[in-house]
Amino acid sequence: MKWISVEDRLPANSDSVFIWPQVDWDEVEGRFTGEYHSSKFKRGNREHEAGWYAETTDGYRSYMEFINVTHWMPLPEPPTTRRVI
């Protein structure tokens, strides 16, 4: 799989994908999972604006954080599980 520029194409609405964020502070860029929402959406009791989001946690609860993204990539298929006896 290859990274896709957000200028070339966007994923389907609310699909979980790998994202490459554009950070605005002195932290290392890296690959995360995130979602693109083409319109406002609700998660729990909060309403969020359209855009890219990554789910983050503060150790006690998780929340959606708006993030700038330059590239994305579809997630691979999950592994098949075999029961070993």
N, C-alpha and C. Protein backbone atom coordinates (compact mmCIF):
# COMPACT_ATOMS: atom_id res chain seq x y z
N MET A 1 0.84 -1.18 0.00
CA MET A 1 0.00 0.00 0.00
C MET A 1 0.88 1.24 0.00
N LYS A 2 0.35 2.30 -0.58
CA LYS A 2 1.11 3.55 -0.66
C LYS A 2 0.32 4.66 0.01
N TRP A 3 1.06 5.66 0.50
CA TRP A 3 0.43 6.84 1.08
C TRP A 3 -0.28 7.63 -0.01
N ILE A 4 -1.45 8.15 0.31
CA ILE A 4 -2.26 8.93 -0.63
C ILE A 4 -2.34 10.36 -0.11
N SER A 5 -2.00 11.32 -0.92
CA SER A 5 -2.09 12.72 -0.52
C SER A 5 -3.55 13.12 -0.36
N VAL A 6 -3.84 13.91 0.67
CA VAL A 6 -5.22 14.39 0.85
C VAL A 6 -5.61 15.34 -0.27
N GLU A 7 -4.63 15.85 -1.00
CA GLU A 7 -4.92 16.72 -2.14
C GLU A 7 -5.38 15.90 -3.35
N ASP A 8 -5.00 14.60 -3.38
CA ASP A 8 -5.38 13.73 -4.50
C ASP A 8 -6.73 13.06 -4.29
N ARG A 9 -6.97 12.59 -3.05
CA ARG A 9 -8.19 11.83 -2.78
C ARG A 9 -8.40 11.74 -1.28
N LEU A 10 -9.67 11.63 -0.86
CA LEU A 10 -10.02 11.45 0.54
C LEU A 10 -10.66 10.09 0.72
N PRO A 11 -10.54 9.50 1.92
CA PRO A 11 -11.19 8.21 2.15
C PRO A 11 -12.71 8.37 2.25
N ALA A 12 -13.40 7.26 2.23
CA ALA A 12 -14.85 7.29 2.43
C ALA A 12 -15.16 7.87 3.81
N ASN A 13 -16.28 8.52 3.94
CA ASN A 13 -16.67 9.17 5.19
C ASN A 13 -16.61 8.20 6.37
N SER A 14 -15.94 8.60 7.41
CA SER A 14 -15.77 7.92 8.70
C SER A 14 -15.03 6.58 8.64
N ASP A 15 -14.36 6.27 7.52
CA ASP A 15 -13.51 5.09 7.48
C ASP A 15 -12.29 5.31 8.37
N SER A 16 -11.88 4.28 9.10
CA SER A 16 -10.63 4.34 9.86
C SER A 16 -9.49 4.04 8.91
N VAL A 17 -8.47 4.89 8.93
CA VAL A 17 -7.32 4.75 8.03
C VAL A 17 -6.05 5.13 8.80
N PHE A 18 -4.89 4.74 8.26
CA PHE A 18 -3.63 5.26 8.77
C PHE A 18 -3.54 6.71 8.32
N ILE A 19 -3.03 7.59 9.19
CA ILE A 19 -2.86 8.99 8.83
C ILE A 19 -1.45 9.45 9.12
N TRP A 20 -0.97 10.39 8.32
CA TRP A 20 0.31 11.04 8.56
C TRP A 20 0.01 12.50 8.86
N PRO A 21 0.08 12.88 10.15
CA PRO A 21 -0.32 14.24 10.52
C PRO A 21 0.74 15.28 10.21
N GLN A 22 0.28 16.48 10.01
CA GLN A 22 1.17 17.64 9.89
C GLN A 22 1.11 18.33 11.25
N VAL A 23 2.21 18.25 11.98
CA VAL A 23 2.20 18.78 13.34
C VAL A 23 2.60 20.25 13.35
N ASP A 24 2.07 20.98 14.30
CA ASP A 24 2.37 22.40 14.43
C ASP A 24 3.23 22.69 15.65
N TRP A 25 3.86 21.68 16.21
CA TRP A 25 4.71 21.87 17.36
C TRP A 25 5.94 21.00 17.18
N ASP A 26 6.90 21.08 18.07
CA ASP A 26 8.17 20.37 17.93
C ASP A 26 8.09 18.93 18.40
N GLU A 27 7.23 18.17 17.78
CA GLU A 27 7.13 16.76 18.08
C GLU A 27 7.37 15.97 16.81
N VAL A 28 7.71 14.74 16.96
CA VAL A 28 8.01 13.90 15.81
C VAL A 28 6.72 13.53 15.09
N GLU A 29 6.74 13.65 13.78
CA GLU A 29 5.59 13.18 13.00
C GLU A 29 5.58 11.66 13.05
N GLY A 30 4.44 11.07 12.87
CA GLY A 30 4.36 9.62 12.89
C GLY A 30 3.07 9.13 12.32
N ARG A 31 2.96 7.84 12.21
CA ARG A 31 1.78 7.22 11.62
C ARG A 31 0.81 6.89 12.75
N PHE A 32 -0.43 7.27 12.59
CA PHE A 32 -1.49 7.01 13.54
C PHE A 32 -2.70 6.52 12.78
N THR A 33 -3.71 6.06 13.50
CA THR A 33 -4.98 5.80 12.85
C THR A 33 -5.90 6.98 13.11
N GLY A 34 -6.75 7.26 12.16
CA GLY A 34 -7.66 8.38 12.29
C GLY A 34 -8.85 8.19 11.36
N GLU A 35 -9.70 9.20 11.34
CA GLU A 35 -10.90 9.16 10.52
C GLU A 35 -11.10 10.50 9.85
N TYR A 36 -11.65 10.47 8.63
CA TYR A 36 -12.05 11.70 7.95
C TYR A 36 -13.57 11.75 7.97
N HIS A 37 -14.12 12.89 8.38
CA HIS A 37 -15.57 13.08 8.40
C HIS A 37 -15.91 14.24 7.47
N SER A 38 -16.73 13.98 6.48
CA SER A 38 -17.05 15.00 5.48
C SER A 38 -18.12 15.97 5.97
N SER A 39 -18.73 15.68 7.10
CA SER A 39 -19.73 16.58 7.67
C SER A 39 -19.68 16.46 9.20
N LYS A 40 -20.43 17.33 9.89
CA LYS A 40 -20.48 17.27 11.35
C LYS A 40 -20.91 15.88 11.79
N PHE A 41 -20.41 15.44 12.96
CA PHE A 41 -20.78 14.14 13.48
C PHE A 41 -20.78 14.17 15.00
N LYS A 42 -21.50 13.24 15.60
CA LYS A 42 -21.57 13.13 17.05
C LYS A 42 -20.82 11.89 17.49
N ARG A 43 -20.06 12.02 18.54
CA ARG A 43 -19.40 10.89 19.20
C ARG A 43 -19.69 11.07 20.67
N GLY A 44 -20.47 10.18 21.23
CA GLY A 44 -20.91 10.35 22.61
C GLY A 44 -21.84 11.55 22.68
N ASN A 45 -21.58 12.44 23.61
CA ASN A 45 -22.41 13.63 23.77
C ASN A 45 -21.86 14.85 23.04
N ARG A 46 -20.73 14.70 22.38
CA ARG A 46 -20.09 15.85 21.72
C ARG A 46 -20.34 15.86 20.22
N GLU A 47 -20.54 17.06 19.69
CA GLU A 47 -20.65 17.22 18.24
C GLU A 47 -19.33 17.77 17.74
N HIS A 48 -18.84 17.21 16.64
CA HIS A 48 -17.56 17.60 16.06
C HIS A 48 -17.78 18.17 14.66
N GLU A 49 -16.93 19.09 14.27
CA GLU A 49 -16.97 19.67 12.92
C GLU A 49 -16.39 18.67 11.92
N ALA A 50 -16.64 18.87 10.65
CA ALA A 50 -16.07 18.04 9.60
C ALA A 50 -14.55 18.18 9.61
N GLY A 51 -13.84 17.13 9.24
CA GLY A 51 -12.38 17.18 9.14
C GLY A 51 -11.74 15.87 9.57
N TRP A 52 -10.43 15.91 9.75
CA TRP A 52 -9.65 14.75 10.18
C TRP A 52 -9.60 14.70 11.69
N TYR A 53 -9.73 13.48 12.23
CA TYR A 53 -9.68 13.29 13.68
C TYR A 53 -8.86 12.05 14.02
N ALA A 54 -8.15 12.13 15.13
CA ALA A 54 -7.46 10.97 15.70
C ALA A 54 -8.01 10.75 17.09
N GLU A 55 -8.22 9.51 17.46
CA GLU A 55 -8.69 9.22 18.80
C GLU A 55 -7.49 9.16 19.72
N THR A 56 -7.52 9.95 20.77
CA THR A 56 -6.41 10.00 21.72
C THR A 56 -6.95 9.72 23.12
N THR A 57 -6.04 9.55 24.05
CA THR A 57 -6.44 9.29 25.43
C THR A 57 -5.55 10.07 26.38
N ASP A 58 -6.10 10.42 27.52
CA ASP A 58 -5.31 11.07 28.56
C ASP A 58 -5.03 10.10 29.71
N GLY A 59 -5.27 8.82 29.48
CA GLY A 59 -5.07 7.81 30.50
C GLY A 59 -6.34 7.46 31.26
N TYR A 60 -7.33 8.33 31.20
CA TYR A 60 -8.59 8.09 31.89
C TYR A 60 -9.75 7.94 30.93
N ARG A 61 -9.72 8.69 29.84
CA ARG A 61 -10.81 8.65 28.88
C ARG A 61 -10.22 8.89 27.48
N SER A 62 -10.94 8.48 26.46
CA SER A 62 -10.49 8.75 25.10
C SER A 62 -11.39 9.82 24.50
N TYR A 63 -10.85 10.56 23.58
CA TYR A 63 -11.60 11.63 22.94
C TYR A 63 -11.07 11.84 21.53
N MET A 64 -11.88 12.48 20.69
CA MET A 64 -11.50 12.76 19.32
C MET A 64 -10.78 14.10 19.27
N GLU A 65 -9.64 14.12 18.61
CA GLU A 65 -8.86 15.35 18.50
C GLU A 65 -8.73 15.74 17.03
N PHE A 66 -9.10 16.99 16.72
CA PHE A 66 -8.96 17.50 15.36
C PHE A 66 -7.48 17.57 15.02
N ILE A 67 -7.12 17.16 13.81
CA ILE A 67 -5.71 17.10 13.44
C ILE A 67 -5.56 17.42 11.95
N ASN A 68 -4.46 18.07 11.59
CA ASN A 68 -4.13 18.32 10.18
C ASN A 68 -3.42 17.10 9.63
N VAL A 69 -3.84 16.64 8.47
CA VAL A 69 -3.30 15.43 7.86
C VAL A 69 -2.81 15.75 6.46
N THR A 70 -1.64 15.21 6.09
CA THR A 70 -1.12 15.41 4.74
C THR A 70 -1.33 14.18 3.86
N HIS A 71 -1.29 12.98 4.46
CA HIS A 71 -1.42 11.74 3.70
C HIS A 71 -2.20 10.71 4.51
N TRP A 72 -2.78 9.76 3.81
CA TRP A 72 -3.50 8.67 4.46
C TRP A 72 -3.30 7.39 3.68
N MET A 73 -3.63 6.25 4.32
CA MET A 73 -3.48 4.95 3.70
C MET A 73 -4.55 4.02 4.27
N PRO A 74 -5.21 3.21 3.43
CA PRO A 74 -6.19 2.27 3.96
C PRO A 74 -5.55 1.31 4.95
N LEU A 75 -6.31 0.87 5.93
CA LEU A 75 -5.82 -0.14 6.86
C LEU A 75 -5.76 -1.48 6.15
N PRO A 76 -4.80 -2.32 6.49
CA PRO A 76 -4.76 -3.66 5.88
C PRO A 76 -5.90 -4.52 6.41
N GLU A 77 -6.16 -5.60 5.73
CA GLU A 77 -7.16 -6.55 6.19
C GLU A 77 -6.70 -7.12 7.54
N PRO A 78 -7.63 -7.37 8.46
CA PRO A 78 -7.23 -7.95 9.75
C PRO A 78 -6.73 -9.38 9.56
N PRO A 79 -5.90 -9.84 10.49
CA PRO A 79 -5.40 -11.23 10.36
C PRO A 79 -6.55 -12.23 10.56
N THR A 80 -6.37 -13.37 9.94
CA THR A 80 -7.35 -14.42 10.17
C THR A 80 -6.91 -15.18 11.42
N THR A 81 -7.86 -15.50 12.27
CA THR A 81 -7.54 -16.17 13.53
C THR A 81 -7.84 -17.66 13.40
N ARG A 82 -6.90 -18.43 13.79
CA ARG A 82 -7.09 -19.89 13.78
C ARG A 82 -7.03 -20.37 15.23
N ARG A 83 -7.94 -21.22 15.55
CA ARG A 83 -7.95 -21.78 16.89
C ARG A 83 -6.94 -22.92 16.94
N VAL A 84 -5.97 -22.80 17.85
CA VAL A 84 -4.95 -23.83 18.00
C VAL A 84 -5.30 -24.68 19.21
N ILE A 85 -5.33 -25.99 18.99
CA ILE A 85 -5.70 -26.90 20.08
C ILE A 85 -4.48 -27.67 20.52
